[in-house]
């Protein structure tokens, strides 16, 4: 009787694993975007101050942070499915 459910379990585990990998990769990409923005802002600090672009840089970073937060929530939700 147990052998009837093995293919279903293997299929669903593979599907969940792919989803976890995909969402984790997206989170890492979003984190890389944030690091790039921070690096550009810090290295171009004089230019940002010269053109009074602090608020614009802050908004750009805020948008990226919220994107990273949403990607991390998706990753945690996908990983939580495997714990059930």
N, C-alpha and C. Protein backbone atom coordinates (compact mmCIF):
# COMPACT_ATOMS: atom_id res chain seq x y z
N UNK A 1 0.82 -1.19 0.00
CA UNK A 1 0.00 0.00 0.00
C UNK A 1 0.87 1.26 0.00
N UNK A 2 1.96 1.20 0.73
CA UNK A 2 2.84 2.37 0.82
C UNK A 2 3.49 2.69 -0.51
N UNK A 3 3.76 1.68 -1.33
CA UNK A 3 4.42 1.91 -2.62
C UNK A 3 3.55 2.71 -3.59
N UNK A 4 2.26 2.74 -3.36
CA UNK A 4 1.38 3.52 -4.22
C UNK A 4 1.61 5.02 -4.05
N UNK A 5 2.01 5.44 -2.85
CA UNK A 5 2.17 6.87 -2.56
C UNK A 5 3.59 7.38 -2.81
N UNK A 6 4.54 6.50 -3.01
CA UNK A 6 5.94 6.91 -3.18
C UNK A 6 6.13 7.83 -4.38
N UNK A 7 5.57 7.52 -5.57
CA UNK A 7 5.76 8.45 -6.70
C UNK A 7 5.19 9.85 -6.42
N UNK A 8 4.04 9.91 -5.77
CA UNK A 8 3.44 11.20 -5.43
C UNK A 8 4.34 11.97 -4.46
N UNK A 9 4.90 11.30 -3.49
CA UNK A 9 5.76 11.96 -2.51
C UNK A 9 7.04 12.46 -3.18
N UNK A 10 7.62 11.65 -4.04
CA UNK A 10 8.84 12.08 -4.74
C UNK A 10 8.56 13.27 -5.65
N UNK A 11 7.44 13.22 -6.37
CA UNK A 11 7.09 14.34 -7.26
C UNK A 11 6.87 15.63 -6.48
N UNK A 12 6.10 15.56 -5.40
CA UNK A 12 5.82 16.77 -4.62
C UNK A 12 7.07 17.30 -3.93
N UNK A 13 7.94 16.42 -3.47
CA UNK A 13 9.19 16.87 -2.84
C UNK A 13 10.08 17.57 -3.86
N UNK A 14 10.14 17.07 -5.06
CA UNK A 14 10.93 17.73 -6.10
C UNK A 14 10.38 19.09 -6.48
N UNK A 15 9.06 19.17 -6.54
CA UNK A 15 8.43 20.45 -6.89
C UNK A 15 8.67 21.48 -5.79
N UNK A 16 8.53 21.08 -4.55
CA UNK A 16 8.77 22.00 -3.44
C UNK A 16 10.24 22.41 -3.40
N UNK A 17 11.15 21.48 -3.65
CA UNK A 17 12.58 21.79 -3.66
C UNK A 17 12.93 22.81 -4.73
N UNK A 18 12.34 22.67 -5.91
CA UNK A 18 12.59 23.66 -6.97
C UNK A 18 12.07 25.03 -6.57
N UNK A 19 10.91 25.05 -5.92
CA UNK A 19 10.35 26.35 -5.49
C UNK A 19 11.23 27.00 -4.44
N UNK A 20 11.74 26.23 -3.50
CA UNK A 20 12.62 26.77 -2.46
C UNK A 20 13.90 27.31 -3.10
N UNK A 21 14.48 26.56 -4.03
CA UNK A 21 15.70 27.03 -4.70
C UNK A 21 15.45 28.32 -5.47
N UNK A 22 14.31 28.37 -6.18
CA UNK A 22 13.99 29.56 -6.98
C UNK A 22 13.80 30.79 -6.09
N UNK A 23 13.05 30.65 -5.01
CA UNK A 23 12.81 31.80 -4.15
C UNK A 23 14.08 32.23 -3.41
N UNK A 24 14.91 31.26 -3.04
CA UNK A 24 16.17 31.60 -2.39
C UNK A 24 17.09 32.35 -3.34
N UNK A 25 17.13 31.90 -4.58
CA UNK A 25 17.97 32.58 -5.58
C UNK A 25 17.49 34.00 -5.83
N UNK A 26 16.17 34.20 -5.86
CA UNK A 26 15.64 35.56 -6.04
C UNK A 26 16.01 36.45 -4.86
N UNK A 27 15.96 35.90 -3.66
CA UNK A 27 16.37 36.67 -2.48
C UNK A 27 17.83 37.07 -2.54
N UNK A 28 18.67 36.16 -3.01
CA UNK A 28 20.09 36.48 -3.13
C UNK A 28 20.32 37.54 -4.19
N UNK A 29 19.56 37.49 -5.28
CA UNK A 29 19.68 38.52 -6.31
C UNK A 29 19.27 39.89 -5.78
N UNK A 30 18.20 39.92 -4.99
CA UNK A 30 17.75 41.19 -4.41
C UNK A 30 18.79 41.74 -3.43
N UNK A 31 19.41 40.86 -2.66
CA UNK A 31 20.46 41.29 -1.74
C UNK A 31 21.66 41.85 -2.51
N UNK A 32 21.98 41.23 -3.63
CA UNK A 32 23.08 41.74 -4.46
C UNK A 32 22.75 43.13 -5.00
N UNK A 33 21.48 43.37 -5.37
CA UNK A 33 21.06 44.69 -5.83
C UNK A 33 21.27 45.74 -4.74
N UNK A 34 20.88 45.39 -3.51
CA UNK A 34 21.05 46.32 -2.39
C UNK A 34 22.53 46.61 -2.16
N UNK A 35 23.35 45.60 -2.22
CA UNK A 35 24.79 45.81 -2.02
C UNK A 35 25.37 46.69 -3.11
N UNK A 36 24.91 46.52 -4.35
CA UNK A 36 25.39 47.37 -5.44
C UNK A 36 24.98 48.83 -5.22
N UNK A 37 23.75 49.05 -4.81
CA UNK A 37 23.30 50.43 -4.56
C UNK A 37 24.11 51.06 -3.43
N UNK A 38 24.32 50.31 -2.36
CA UNK A 38 25.11 50.84 -1.25
C UNK A 38 26.54 51.15 -1.69
N UNK A 39 27.13 50.27 -2.47
CA UNK A 39 28.50 50.50 -2.93
C UNK A 39 28.57 51.76 -3.80
N UNK A 40 27.63 51.89 -4.73
CA UNK A 40 27.63 53.07 -5.61
C UNK A 40 27.39 54.35 -4.81
N UNK A 41 26.51 54.28 -3.82
CA UNK A 41 26.22 55.47 -3.02
C UNK A 41 27.41 55.87 -2.18
N UNK A 42 28.07 54.89 -1.59
CA UNK A 42 29.22 55.20 -0.74
C UNK A 42 30.39 55.72 -1.56
N UNK A 43 30.66 55.08 -2.70
CA UNK A 43 31.80 55.53 -3.51
C UNK A 43 31.50 56.87 -4.18
N UNK A 44 30.23 57.14 -4.48
CA UNK A 44 29.88 58.41 -5.10
C UNK A 44 29.27 59.38 -4.10
N UNK A 45 29.71 59.30 -2.87
CA UNK A 45 29.15 60.12 -1.80
C UNK A 45 29.24 61.61 -2.11
N UNK A 46 30.34 62.05 -2.64
CA UNK A 46 30.50 63.49 -2.95
C UNK A 46 29.54 63.93 -4.04
N UNK A 47 29.33 63.07 -5.02
CA UNK A 47 28.41 63.42 -6.11
C UNK A 47 26.98 63.47 -5.59
N UNK A 48 26.63 62.51 -4.75
CA UNK A 48 25.28 62.50 -4.18
C UNK A 48 25.03 63.77 -3.38
N UNK A 49 26.00 64.16 -2.58
CA UNK A 49 25.85 65.38 -1.78
C UNK A 49 25.86 66.63 -2.65
N UNK A 50 26.67 66.63 -3.69
CA UNK A 50 26.77 67.81 -4.56
C UNK A 50 25.45 68.10 -5.26
N UNK A 51 24.74 67.06 -5.65
CA UNK A 51 23.48 67.25 -6.34
C UNK A 51 22.26 67.09 -5.43
N UNK A 52 22.48 67.01 -4.13
CA UNK A 52 21.41 66.88 -3.13
C UNK A 52 20.47 65.71 -3.47
N UNK A 53 21.06 64.56 -3.73
CA UNK A 53 20.30 63.38 -4.12
C UNK A 53 20.12 62.39 -2.97
N UNK A 54 20.29 62.86 -1.74
CA UNK A 54 20.18 61.94 -0.60
C UNK A 54 18.80 61.30 -0.51
N UNK A 55 17.76 62.10 -0.70
CA UNK A 55 16.40 61.56 -0.58
C UNK A 55 16.11 60.56 -1.69
N UNK A 56 16.61 60.83 -2.91
CA UNK A 56 16.41 59.90 -4.01
C UNK A 56 17.10 58.58 -3.73
N UNK A 57 18.33 58.65 -3.25
CA UNK A 57 19.08 57.42 -2.91
C UNK A 57 18.39 56.66 -1.80
N UNK A 58 17.85 57.38 -0.83
CA UNK A 58 17.13 56.74 0.27
C UNK A 58 15.89 56.02 -0.25
N UNK A 59 15.15 56.64 -1.15
CA UNK A 59 13.95 56.01 -1.72
C UNK A 59 14.31 54.77 -2.54
N UNK A 60 15.39 54.87 -3.31
CA UNK A 60 15.83 53.71 -4.10
C UNK A 60 16.19 52.54 -3.20
N UNK A 61 16.90 52.83 -2.12
CA UNK A 61 17.28 51.78 -1.19
C UNK A 61 16.04 51.21 -0.49
N UNK A 62 15.09 52.07 -0.17
CA UNK A 62 13.85 51.63 0.49
C UNK A 62 13.07 50.67 -0.41
N UNK A 63 12.98 50.98 -1.69
CA UNK A 63 12.27 50.10 -2.62
C UNK A 63 12.95 48.74 -2.72
N UNK A 64 14.27 48.75 -2.78
CA UNK A 64 15.02 47.48 -2.86
C UNK A 64 14.87 46.68 -1.57
N UNK A 65 14.88 47.37 -0.43
CA UNK A 65 14.73 46.65 0.84
C UNK A 65 13.37 45.98 0.94
N UNK A 66 12.32 46.66 0.49
CA UNK A 66 11.00 46.04 0.55
C UNK A 66 10.92 44.85 -0.40
N UNK A 67 11.59 44.94 -1.55
CA UNK A 67 11.63 43.80 -2.47
C UNK A 67 12.36 42.62 -1.86
N UNK A 68 13.45 42.90 -1.16
CA UNK A 68 14.19 41.83 -0.48
C UNK A 68 13.35 41.22 0.62
N UNK A 69 12.61 42.04 1.36
CA UNK A 69 11.75 41.54 2.42
C UNK A 69 10.69 40.60 1.86
N UNK A 70 10.05 41.00 0.75
CA UNK A 70 9.03 40.15 0.14
C UNK A 70 9.63 38.84 -0.37
N UNK A 71 10.81 38.92 -0.97
CA UNK A 71 11.47 37.70 -1.47
C UNK A 71 11.83 36.77 -0.31
N UNK A 72 12.28 37.34 0.80
CA UNK A 72 12.60 36.51 1.96
C UNK A 72 11.35 35.88 2.55
N UNK A 73 10.24 36.61 2.57
CA UNK A 73 8.98 36.03 3.06
C UNK A 73 8.55 34.86 2.20
N UNK A 74 8.68 35.00 0.88
CA UNK A 74 8.33 33.89 -0.02
C UNK A 74 9.23 32.69 0.23
N UNK A 75 10.51 32.95 0.43
CA UNK A 75 11.45 31.87 0.69
C UNK A 75 11.12 31.14 1.98
N UNK A 76 10.80 31.88 3.01
CA UNK A 76 10.45 31.27 4.30
C UNK A 76 9.15 30.48 4.17
N UNK A 77 8.18 31.01 3.42
CA UNK A 77 6.92 30.30 3.24
C UNK A 77 7.14 28.98 2.48
N UNK A 78 7.99 29.03 1.46
CA UNK A 78 8.28 27.81 0.70
C UNK A 78 9.03 26.79 1.56
N UNK A 79 9.94 27.27 2.38
CA UNK A 79 10.69 26.36 3.25
C UNK A 79 9.80 25.80 4.35
N UNK A 80 8.82 26.57 4.80
CA UNK A 80 7.92 26.10 5.85
C UNK A 80 7.06 24.95 5.38
N UNK A 81 6.77 24.89 4.08
CA UNK A 81 5.98 23.79 3.55
C UNK A 81 6.72 22.46 3.74
N UNK A 82 8.03 22.49 3.64
CA UNK A 82 8.80 21.25 3.78
C UNK A 82 8.83 20.76 5.22
N UNK A 83 8.55 21.62 6.17
CA UNK A 83 8.59 21.22 7.58
C UNK A 83 7.29 20.57 8.03
N UNK A 84 6.26 20.69 7.25
CA UNK A 84 4.96 20.12 7.66
C UNK A 84 4.96 18.64 7.56
